[in-house]
Each structure stands twice: as structure tokens, then as C-alpha cells.
N, C-alpha and C. Protein backbone atom coordinates (compact mmCIF):
# COMPACT_ATOMS: atom_id res chain seq x y z
N MET A 1 0.83 -1.19 0.00
CA MET A 1 0.00 0.00 0.01
C MET A 1 0.89 1.25 0.01
N ASN A 2 0.44 2.25 -0.66
CA ASN A 2 1.18 3.53 -0.79
C ASN A 2 1.17 4.24 0.56
N ILE A 3 2.31 4.89 0.88
CA ILE A 3 2.45 5.62 2.16
C ILE A 3 1.48 6.77 2.24
N ASN A 4 1.35 7.53 1.13
CA ASN A 4 0.41 8.66 1.11
C ASN A 4 -1.01 8.19 1.35
N ARG A 5 -1.36 7.06 0.76
CA ARG A 5 -2.69 6.52 0.92
C ARG A 5 -2.95 6.12 2.38
N GLU A 6 -1.95 5.53 3.02
CA GLU A 6 -2.07 5.17 4.44
C GLU A 6 -2.25 6.41 5.31
N LYS A 7 -1.49 7.47 5.01
CA LYS A 7 -1.62 8.71 5.76
C LYS A 7 -3.02 9.28 5.60
N LYS A 8 -3.52 9.25 4.37
CA LYS A 8 -4.85 9.79 4.12
C LYS A 8 -5.91 8.96 4.84
N GLU A 9 -5.78 7.65 4.82
CA GLU A 9 -6.74 6.81 5.51
C GLU A 9 -6.70 7.03 7.01
N ASN A 10 -5.53 7.22 7.55
CA ASN A 10 -5.41 7.53 8.98
C ASN A 10 -6.06 8.87 9.29
N LEU A 11 -5.83 9.83 8.41
CA LEU A 11 -6.39 11.18 8.58
C LEU A 11 -7.93 11.11 8.51
N VAL A 12 -8.45 10.35 7.55
CA VAL A 12 -9.91 10.20 7.41
C VAL A 12 -10.49 9.56 8.66
N SER A 13 -9.85 8.51 9.19
CA SER A 13 -10.36 7.90 10.39
C SER A 13 -10.28 8.82 11.60
N GLU A 14 -9.24 9.63 11.68
CA GLU A 14 -9.12 10.61 12.75
C GLU A 14 -10.23 11.67 12.66
N ILE A 15 -10.47 12.16 11.44
CA ILE A 15 -11.53 13.18 11.24
C ILE A 15 -12.88 12.58 11.54
N SER A 16 -13.09 11.34 11.13
CA SER A 16 -14.36 10.69 11.40
C SER A 16 -14.61 10.53 12.88
N LYS A 17 -13.55 10.25 13.67
CA LYS A 17 -13.68 10.17 15.12
C LYS A 17 -14.08 11.53 15.70
N VAL A 18 -13.48 12.58 15.14
CA VAL A 18 -13.82 13.95 15.59
C VAL A 18 -15.29 14.23 15.36
N PHE A 19 -15.78 13.86 14.16
CA PHE A 19 -17.20 14.08 13.85
C PHE A 19 -18.12 13.25 14.76
N LYS A 20 -17.71 12.05 15.10
CA LYS A 20 -18.54 11.19 15.94
C LYS A 20 -18.52 11.64 17.40
N GLN A 21 -17.36 12.07 17.87
CA GLN A 21 -17.22 12.47 19.29
C GLN A 21 -17.86 13.80 19.58
N ASN A 22 -17.90 14.68 18.60
CA ASN A 22 -18.41 16.04 18.83
C ASN A 22 -19.69 16.22 18.05
N GLU A 23 -20.79 16.37 18.75
CA GLU A 23 -22.08 16.56 18.10
C GLU A 23 -22.22 17.97 17.54
N SER A 24 -21.33 18.87 17.92
CA SER A 24 -21.42 20.25 17.50
C SER A 24 -20.10 20.72 16.92
N PHE A 25 -20.20 21.32 15.75
CA PHE A 25 -19.01 21.92 15.13
C PHE A 25 -19.46 22.96 14.11
N TYR A 26 -18.53 23.82 13.74
CA TYR A 26 -18.78 24.89 12.75
C TYR A 26 -17.74 24.81 11.68
N LEU A 27 -18.18 24.99 10.43
CA LEU A 27 -17.26 25.07 9.29
C LEU A 27 -16.94 26.53 9.04
N ILE A 28 -15.63 26.80 8.96
CA ILE A 28 -15.16 28.19 8.91
C ILE A 28 -14.42 28.40 7.60
N ASP A 29 -14.72 29.51 6.94
CA ASP A 29 -13.97 29.93 5.76
C ASP A 29 -12.93 30.92 6.26
N PHE A 30 -11.69 30.57 6.13
CA PHE A 30 -10.65 31.43 6.72
C PHE A 30 -9.71 32.03 5.67
N ILE A 31 -10.28 32.46 4.57
CA ILE A 31 -9.49 33.14 3.52
C ILE A 31 -8.92 34.44 4.13
N ASN A 32 -7.69 34.73 3.78
CA ASN A 32 -6.99 35.94 4.23
C ASN A 32 -6.73 35.96 5.73
N LEU A 33 -6.70 34.83 6.36
CA LEU A 33 -6.38 34.77 7.78
C LEU A 33 -4.89 34.66 7.96
N PRO A 34 -4.24 35.72 8.46
CA PRO A 34 -2.79 35.65 8.67
C PRO A 34 -2.41 34.60 9.69
N VAL A 35 -1.21 34.11 9.61
CA VAL A 35 -0.76 33.05 10.52
C VAL A 35 -0.83 33.51 11.97
N SER A 36 -0.48 34.76 12.23
CA SER A 36 -0.49 35.27 13.61
C SER A 36 -1.94 35.22 14.18
N LYS A 37 -2.92 35.60 13.38
CA LYS A 37 -4.31 35.56 13.82
C LYS A 37 -4.80 34.12 14.00
N SER A 38 -4.33 33.25 13.13
CA SER A 38 -4.67 31.82 13.23
C SER A 38 -4.15 31.23 14.54
N ILE A 39 -2.94 31.57 14.87
CA ILE A 39 -2.35 31.11 16.14
C ILE A 39 -3.13 31.67 17.32
N GLU A 40 -3.49 32.94 17.22
CA GLU A 40 -4.27 33.58 18.29
C GLU A 40 -5.64 32.90 18.44
N LEU A 41 -6.29 32.59 17.33
CA LEU A 41 -7.61 31.92 17.36
C LEU A 41 -7.48 30.53 17.98
N ARG A 42 -6.48 29.78 17.55
CA ARG A 42 -6.28 28.44 18.10
C ARG A 42 -6.01 28.50 19.61
N LYS A 43 -5.27 29.50 20.04
CA LYS A 43 -4.97 29.62 21.48
C LYS A 43 -6.22 29.95 22.26
N GLN A 44 -7.07 30.88 21.73
CA GLN A 44 -8.31 31.20 22.41
C GLN A 44 -9.23 29.99 22.51
N LEU A 45 -9.30 29.23 21.42
CA LEU A 45 -10.15 28.05 21.43
C LEU A 45 -9.64 26.98 22.39
N ARG A 46 -8.32 26.79 22.36
CA ARG A 46 -7.72 25.78 23.24
C ARG A 46 -7.94 26.15 24.72
N ASP A 47 -7.85 27.44 25.04
CA ASP A 47 -8.06 27.88 26.43
C ASP A 47 -9.49 27.65 26.89
N ASN A 48 -10.42 27.52 25.94
CA ASN A 48 -11.83 27.34 26.26
C ASN A 48 -12.34 25.94 25.92
N SER A 49 -11.42 24.98 25.90
CA SER A 49 -11.76 23.57 25.64
C SER A 49 -12.40 23.34 24.28
N CYS A 50 -11.95 24.05 23.28
CA CYS A 50 -12.40 23.91 21.90
C CYS A 50 -11.19 23.65 21.03
N SER A 51 -11.45 23.25 19.78
CA SER A 51 -10.31 22.98 18.88
C SER A 51 -10.65 23.48 17.48
N LEU A 52 -9.60 23.67 16.70
CA LEU A 52 -9.72 24.07 15.31
C LEU A 52 -8.84 23.15 14.48
N LYS A 53 -9.42 22.62 13.42
CA LYS A 53 -8.68 21.68 12.58
C LYS A 53 -8.88 22.08 11.15
N VAL A 54 -7.78 22.31 10.42
CA VAL A 54 -7.84 22.61 9.00
C VAL A 54 -7.68 21.29 8.24
N ILE A 55 -8.60 21.04 7.34
CA ILE A 55 -8.58 19.76 6.63
C ILE A 55 -8.84 19.97 5.15
N LYS A 56 -8.50 18.93 4.40
CA LYS A 56 -8.83 18.94 2.97
C LYS A 56 -10.28 18.53 2.84
N ASN A 57 -10.97 19.20 1.90
CA ASN A 57 -12.40 18.98 1.74
C ASN A 57 -12.73 17.55 1.34
N ARG A 58 -11.96 16.98 0.43
CA ARG A 58 -12.24 15.59 -0.01
C ARG A 58 -12.12 14.63 1.15
N LEU A 59 -11.12 14.81 1.99
CA LEU A 59 -10.95 13.92 3.14
C LEU A 59 -12.08 14.08 4.15
N ALA A 60 -12.50 15.34 4.33
CA ALA A 60 -13.62 15.56 5.27
C ALA A 60 -14.90 14.94 4.75
N LEU A 61 -15.16 15.04 3.47
CA LEU A 61 -16.35 14.45 2.88
C LEU A 61 -16.34 12.93 3.02
N ARG A 62 -15.16 12.31 2.91
CA ARG A 62 -15.06 10.88 3.12
C ARG A 62 -15.34 10.51 4.58
N ALA A 63 -14.92 11.37 5.49
CA ALA A 63 -15.04 11.11 6.93
C ALA A 63 -16.45 11.33 7.44
N LEU A 64 -17.24 12.16 6.74
CA LEU A 64 -18.60 12.43 7.20
C LEU A 64 -19.43 11.13 7.13
N SER A 65 -20.17 10.91 8.16
CA SER A 65 -21.01 9.72 8.17
C SER A 65 -22.30 10.00 7.41
N GLU A 66 -23.02 8.96 7.08
CA GLU A 66 -24.22 9.07 6.25
C GLU A 66 -25.36 9.80 6.98
N GLU A 67 -25.39 9.75 8.31
CA GLU A 67 -26.51 10.34 9.00
C GLU A 67 -26.44 11.88 9.09
N LEU A 68 -25.31 12.46 8.73
CA LEU A 68 -25.19 13.92 8.77
C LEU A 68 -25.96 14.52 7.56
N PRO A 69 -26.50 15.71 7.72
CA PRO A 69 -27.30 16.32 6.66
C PRO A 69 -26.53 16.53 5.37
N ASP A 70 -27.22 16.38 4.23
CA ASP A 70 -26.60 16.61 2.94
C ASP A 70 -26.27 18.08 2.71
N ASP A 71 -27.03 18.96 3.34
CA ASP A 71 -26.75 20.41 3.19
C ASP A 71 -25.34 20.75 3.71
N LEU A 72 -24.87 20.01 4.69
CA LEU A 72 -23.55 20.24 5.25
C LEU A 72 -22.47 19.91 4.24
N ARG A 73 -22.67 18.88 3.45
CA ARG A 73 -21.68 18.47 2.46
C ARG A 73 -21.38 19.55 1.42
N GLY A 74 -22.39 20.35 1.07
CA GLY A 74 -22.20 21.39 0.09
C GLY A 74 -21.31 22.54 0.55
N ASN A 75 -21.02 22.62 1.82
CA ASN A 75 -20.21 23.71 2.36
C ASN A 75 -18.73 23.41 2.39
N PHE A 76 -18.35 22.22 1.94
CA PHE A 76 -16.92 21.86 1.91
C PHE A 76 -16.35 22.30 0.56
N ARG A 77 -16.22 23.60 0.38
CA ARG A 77 -15.62 24.19 -0.83
C ARG A 77 -14.70 25.30 -0.39
N GLY A 78 -13.56 25.40 -1.01
CA GLY A 78 -12.58 26.43 -0.64
C GLY A 78 -11.90 26.07 0.64
N PRO A 79 -11.06 26.94 1.16
CA PRO A 79 -10.34 26.67 2.42
C PRO A 79 -11.36 26.51 3.56
N THR A 80 -11.27 25.37 4.21
CA THR A 80 -12.26 25.06 5.26
C THR A 80 -11.53 24.61 6.52
N ALA A 81 -11.98 25.13 7.63
CA ALA A 81 -11.48 24.68 8.93
C ALA A 81 -12.71 24.26 9.74
N ILE A 82 -12.49 23.38 10.67
CA ILE A 82 -13.59 22.92 11.54
C ILE A 82 -13.27 23.31 12.96
N ALA A 83 -14.17 24.08 13.55
CA ALA A 83 -14.05 24.42 14.97
C ALA A 83 -15.03 23.53 15.70
N PHE A 84 -14.58 22.79 16.68
CA PHE A 84 -15.46 21.87 17.36
C PHE A 84 -15.25 21.86 18.87
N THR A 85 -16.28 21.41 19.54
CA THR A 85 -16.22 21.28 20.99
C THR A 85 -17.16 20.17 21.40
N SER A 86 -16.83 19.53 22.49
CA SER A 86 -17.72 18.48 23.02
C SER A 86 -18.53 19.02 24.16
N GLU A 87 -18.30 20.28 24.55
CA GLU A 87 -18.96 20.83 25.71
C GLU A 87 -20.13 21.75 25.34
N ASN A 88 -19.87 23.02 25.14
CA ASN A 88 -20.92 24.02 24.96
C ASN A 88 -20.81 24.63 23.58
N PRO A 89 -21.69 24.27 22.65
CA PRO A 89 -21.62 24.83 21.29
C PRO A 89 -21.93 26.32 21.23
N LEU A 90 -22.71 26.81 22.16
CA LEU A 90 -23.06 28.23 22.17
C LEU A 90 -21.83 29.07 22.56
N HIS A 91 -21.06 28.57 23.49
CA HIS A 91 -19.83 29.26 23.89
C HIS A 91 -18.86 29.33 22.71
N LEU A 92 -18.72 28.23 21.99
CA LEU A 92 -17.85 28.21 20.80
C LEU A 92 -18.36 29.21 19.77
N ALA A 93 -19.66 29.27 19.57
CA ALA A 93 -20.23 30.23 18.62
C ALA A 93 -19.89 31.66 19.02
N ARG A 94 -19.99 31.96 20.33
CA ARG A 94 -19.67 33.31 20.80
C ARG A 94 -18.20 33.62 20.60
N LEU A 95 -17.35 32.64 20.85
CA LEU A 95 -15.89 32.86 20.66
C LEU A 95 -15.59 33.17 19.20
N LEU A 96 -16.18 32.39 18.31
CA LEU A 96 -15.94 32.60 16.87
C LEU A 96 -16.51 33.95 16.43
N ARG A 97 -17.70 34.30 16.90
CA ARG A 97 -18.30 35.58 16.51
C ARG A 97 -17.44 36.74 17.01
N ASP A 98 -17.00 36.67 18.28
CA ASP A 98 -16.19 37.77 18.83
C ASP A 98 -14.88 37.92 18.08
N PHE A 99 -14.24 36.77 17.74
CA PHE A 99 -12.99 36.84 17.00
C PHE A 99 -13.23 37.41 15.60
N SER A 100 -14.31 37.00 14.99
CA SER A 100 -14.64 37.47 13.63
C SER A 100 -14.92 38.97 13.63
N VAL A 101 -15.65 39.43 14.63
CA VAL A 101 -15.95 40.87 14.74
C VAL A 101 -14.68 41.67 15.02
N GLN A 102 -13.85 41.15 15.86
CA GLN A 102 -12.64 41.85 16.25
C GLN A 102 -11.66 41.95 15.11
N HIS A 103 -11.47 40.86 14.36
CA HIS A 103 -10.42 40.83 13.32
C HIS A 103 -10.92 40.89 11.89
N LYS A 104 -12.24 40.71 11.71
CA LYS A 104 -12.90 40.80 10.40
C LYS A 104 -12.26 39.87 9.35
N VAL A 105 -11.93 38.65 9.72
CA VAL A 105 -11.31 37.75 8.79
C VAL A 105 -12.03 36.40 8.64
N LEU A 106 -12.86 36.05 9.58
CA LEU A 106 -13.53 34.73 9.51
C LEU A 106 -14.95 34.86 8.97
N ARG A 107 -15.38 33.76 8.34
CA ARG A 107 -16.78 33.68 7.94
C ARG A 107 -17.23 32.25 8.24
N ILE A 108 -18.34 32.14 8.92
CA ILE A 108 -18.87 30.82 9.26
C ILE A 108 -19.71 30.34 8.07
N LYS A 109 -19.33 29.18 7.54
CA LYS A 109 -20.04 28.63 6.38
C LYS A 109 -21.31 27.91 6.80
N ALA A 110 -21.20 27.09 7.80
CA ALA A 110 -22.34 26.28 8.28
C ALA A 110 -21.92 25.65 9.60
N GLY A 111 -22.82 24.88 10.14
CA GLY A 111 -22.51 24.18 11.38
C GLY A 111 -23.45 23.07 11.66
N LEU A 112 -23.15 22.37 12.69
CA LEU A 112 -23.99 21.26 13.16
C LEU A 112 -24.05 21.38 14.67
N ILE A 113 -25.26 21.58 15.22
CA ILE A 113 -25.42 21.73 16.64
C ILE A 113 -26.30 20.60 17.11
N GLU A 114 -25.69 19.69 17.87
CA GLU A 114 -26.38 18.53 18.42
C GLU A 114 -27.20 17.80 17.33
N GLY A 115 -26.56 17.63 16.19
CA GLY A 115 -27.17 16.88 15.09
C GLY A 115 -28.08 17.68 14.18
N GLN A 116 -28.29 18.94 14.46
CA GLN A 116 -29.15 19.80 13.64
C GLN A 116 -28.30 20.72 12.78
N TYR A 117 -28.63 20.76 11.47
CA TYR A 117 -27.88 21.62 10.54
C TYR A 117 -28.14 23.07 10.84
N LEU A 118 -27.07 23.86 10.76
CA LEU A 118 -27.15 25.30 11.00
C LEU A 118 -26.62 26.02 9.78
N ALA A 119 -27.47 26.75 9.09
CA ALA A 119 -27.06 27.53 7.92
C ALA A 119 -26.28 28.76 8.35
N GLU A 120 -25.54 29.34 7.41
CA GLU A 120 -24.72 30.51 7.70
C GLU A 120 -25.53 31.68 8.25
N GLU A 121 -26.75 31.86 7.73
CA GLU A 121 -27.59 32.99 8.13
C GLU A 121 -28.03 32.87 9.60
N ARG A 122 -28.13 31.67 10.12
CA ARG A 122 -28.63 31.45 11.46
C ARG A 122 -27.53 31.53 12.52
N PHE A 123 -26.27 31.60 12.09
CA PHE A 123 -25.17 31.60 13.05
C PHE A 123 -25.25 32.77 14.01
N SER A 124 -25.57 33.96 13.51
CA SER A 124 -25.63 35.12 14.40
C SER A 124 -26.72 34.95 15.46
N GLU A 125 -27.82 34.27 15.14
CA GLU A 125 -28.87 34.02 16.12
C GLU A 125 -28.37 33.09 17.21
N ILE A 126 -27.61 32.06 16.85
CA ILE A 126 -27.10 31.11 17.79
C ILE A 126 -26.07 31.79 18.71
N ALA A 127 -25.22 32.64 18.13
CA ALA A 127 -24.18 33.28 18.93
C ALA A 127 -24.79 34.31 19.88
N ALA A 128 -26.00 34.78 19.61
CA ALA A 128 -26.63 35.79 20.47
C ALA A 128 -27.40 35.19 21.62
N ILE A 129 -27.58 33.89 21.65
CA ILE A 129 -28.32 33.26 22.74
C ILE A 129 -27.53 33.36 24.03
N SER A 130 -28.24 33.67 25.09
CA SER A 130 -27.58 33.78 26.39
C SER A 130 -27.07 32.43 26.87
N SER A 131 -26.09 32.47 27.75
CA SER A 131 -25.57 31.24 28.29
C SER A 131 -26.57 30.60 29.22
N ARG A 132 -26.33 29.34 29.52
CA ARG A 132 -27.22 28.59 30.42
C ARG A 132 -27.29 29.23 31.80
N GLU A 133 -26.15 29.67 32.29
CA GLU A 133 -26.10 30.30 33.60
C GLU A 133 -26.93 31.58 33.64
N ASP A 134 -26.84 32.39 32.56
CA ASP A 134 -27.63 33.63 32.51
C ASP A 134 -29.11 33.33 32.49
N LEU A 135 -29.50 32.32 31.68
CA LEU A 135 -30.91 31.96 31.61
C LEU A 135 -31.42 31.44 32.95
N LEU A 136 -30.60 30.65 33.66
CA LEU A 136 -31.01 30.16 34.99
C LEU A 136 -31.14 31.29 35.98
N ALA A 137 -30.23 32.27 35.89
CA ALA A 137 -30.30 33.44 36.79
C ALA A 137 -31.57 34.23 36.52
N LYS A 138 -31.91 34.43 35.25
CA LYS A 138 -33.14 35.17 34.92
C LYS A 138 -34.38 34.42 35.40
N MET A 139 -34.35 33.11 35.23
CA MET A 139 -35.49 32.29 35.68
C MET A 139 -35.62 32.37 37.19
N GLY A 140 -34.50 32.28 37.90
CA GLY A 140 -34.54 32.40 39.35
C GLY A 140 -35.11 33.74 39.81
N PHE A 141 -34.70 34.82 39.12
CA PHE A 141 -35.21 36.13 39.45
C PHE A 141 -36.70 36.20 39.20
N LEU A 142 -37.16 35.66 38.06
CA LEU A 142 -38.58 35.68 37.75
C LEU A 142 -39.40 34.86 38.74
N LEU A 143 -38.82 33.80 39.26
CA LEU A 143 -39.54 32.99 40.26
C LEU A 143 -39.57 33.69 41.61
N ALA A 144 -38.53 34.37 41.98
CA ALA A 144 -38.42 35.00 43.29
C ALA A 144 -39.13 36.38 43.33
N TYR A 145 -39.29 37.05 42.22
CA TYR A 145 -39.83 38.40 42.19
C TYR A 145 -41.25 38.48 42.78
N PRO A 146 -42.18 37.61 42.39
CA PRO A 146 -43.53 37.71 43.01
C PRO A 146 -43.52 37.51 44.50
N LEU A 147 -42.66 36.63 44.98
CA LEU A 147 -42.59 36.40 46.43
C LEU A 147 -42.04 37.62 47.17
N SER A 148 -41.03 38.24 46.61
CA SER A 148 -40.49 39.44 47.26
C SER A 148 -41.49 40.59 47.18
N LYS A 149 -42.23 40.68 46.11
CA LYS A 149 -43.27 41.72 46.00
C LYS A 149 -44.38 41.49 47.06
N LEU A 150 -44.76 40.23 47.23
CA LEU A 150 -45.77 39.89 48.26
C LEU A 150 -45.24 40.22 49.67
N LEU A 151 -44.00 39.94 49.91
CA LEU A 151 -43.41 40.21 51.22
C LEU A 151 -43.40 41.72 51.49
N ARG A 152 -43.06 42.54 50.50
CA ARG A 152 -43.07 43.97 50.66
C ARG A 152 -44.48 44.48 50.90
N THR A 153 -45.45 43.88 50.23
CA THR A 153 -46.85 44.29 50.43
C THR A 153 -47.31 43.98 51.85
N TRP A 154 -46.93 42.87 52.39
CA TRP A 154 -47.30 42.52 53.76
C TRP A 154 -46.59 43.40 54.79
N GLN A 155 -45.39 43.84 54.47
CA GLN A 155 -44.62 44.66 55.40
C GLN A 155 -45.07 46.11 55.39
N ALA A 156 -45.75 46.56 54.36
CA ALA A 156 -46.15 47.97 54.25
C ALA A 156 -47.02 48.42 55.41
N PRO A 157 -48.08 47.67 55.78
CA PRO A 157 -48.89 48.14 56.94
C PRO A 157 -48.10 48.19 58.23
N LEU A 158 -47.21 47.27 58.46
CA LEU A 158 -46.39 47.28 59.67
C LEU A 158 -45.47 48.49 59.71
N ASN A 159 -44.92 48.84 58.56
CA ASN A 159 -44.05 50.01 58.49
C ASN A 159 -44.84 51.29 58.75
N SER A 160 -46.03 51.36 58.19
CA SER A 160 -46.83 52.60 58.40
C SER A 160 -47.29 52.72 59.86
N ILE A 161 -47.61 51.59 60.52
CA ILE A 161 -47.97 51.60 61.96
C ILE A 161 -46.77 52.08 62.76
N GLY A 162 -45.60 51.61 62.42
CA GLY A 162 -44.39 52.03 63.16
C GLY A 162 -44.15 53.52 63.01
N SER A 163 -44.34 54.07 61.80
CA SER A 163 -44.12 55.50 61.61
C SER A 163 -45.20 56.32 62.32
N LEU A 164 -46.44 55.80 62.37
CA LEU A 164 -47.50 56.50 63.08
C LEU A 164 -47.20 56.55 64.60
N LEU A 165 -46.73 55.42 65.13
CA LEU A 165 -46.40 55.40 66.56
C LEU A 165 -45.26 56.35 66.90
N SER A 166 -44.26 56.43 66.03
CA SER A 166 -43.16 57.34 66.28
C SER A 166 -43.63 58.79 66.20
N GLN A 167 -44.56 59.11 65.33
CA GLN A 167 -45.09 60.47 65.24
C GLN A 167 -45.90 60.84 66.50
N LEU A 168 -46.70 59.86 66.99
CA LEU A 168 -47.46 60.10 68.21
C LEU A 168 -46.54 60.35 69.39
N LYS A 169 -45.46 59.65 69.44
CA LYS A 169 -44.50 59.79 70.54
C LYS A 169 -43.88 61.16 70.50
N THR A 170 -43.53 61.67 69.33
CA THR A 170 -42.94 63.00 69.23
C THR A 170 -43.93 64.11 69.58
N LYS A 171 -45.24 63.89 69.30
CA LYS A 171 -46.25 64.89 69.65
C LYS A 171 -46.47 64.98 71.16
N LYS A 172 -46.40 63.87 71.85
CA LYS A 172 -46.62 63.86 73.32
C LYS A 172 -45.37 64.23 73.97
């Protein structure tokens, strides 16, 4: 067997493992991305438990399993990198959006979030979603607000009685 062919088969199996292990990833078009910015992006992603892998489109198409959407296959054109995470896909989306806005060099082609295809137009919506912690904090506030309002309502008569008694005391 040819050595190049063995390398390619190993690379395809490695990429296929990445696709199977990570339910969420984004395809990135990184034309005109300088090496220094690429290193900076990789460092930011690595610090946040994410990864970036630049691959050949033909090899990625071979590695994609049959259950992935066909719409995703059409996005493997031109220079393509895959940003993936096994943890929080929304956090990865925010990192990519922030980097793209800051440096104006990245474009998200498409993505896959927990098995669902994400078109390029929908990426900004995904990146704008609040984190889980923020949503839980808002929900906690909304649950506690009526109780605190009720408590203040019950305390109002007691406060007014206290102020009336203090006024009577000052008059006598």
C-alpha cells in the first residue's frame, strides 16, 4: 500500500472520530487569515476547551457519516477549517463571533449543533443566545420576584404603623 494513501486513510479515520465524538461543530472559511491571527484563534479556542482543525475537503467528505445532513456536504468548498467542541456549542459560537468581529477575517459557512444543521444565516442568532447560567439566573429572578413583592406588600402596613407610633410619641 502507498504511504500517502495510508496517511490519508489515517487522517480520514481521525476526522471521522472527531465528527462522531463532537455533536457540534462549525465550518469556517478562513481566507486571508494571517498566521498570527490563526495562532491567536487556536490559542483562544484551546483555552476554552475547543479545537480548530484545517482539513482537505475531499478527506472531510469521506469522513462524514451518512446520518449527517446533505446540506452540510455542500459547504466543503474552498479553504475550510472545523471548529469543534464536546462541551458548549453556544460558547464556541460566541468565541468565533467575537474573534470574527474583532479581526474581520472569519466567515462561518455552516454548522452542526447537536445533530441539527445550521445555515450561515442562522449563526448570528445562535451566537446571540444567552448562556445557560444567565438563563437560569433570569429564571430564578422571575420565580423570586412575585414572592419578594408579596413580602413587601405585607410589610407595608407594619411600616406605616411604626411610623404612626413614632409620630405620636414626638407629639406627646
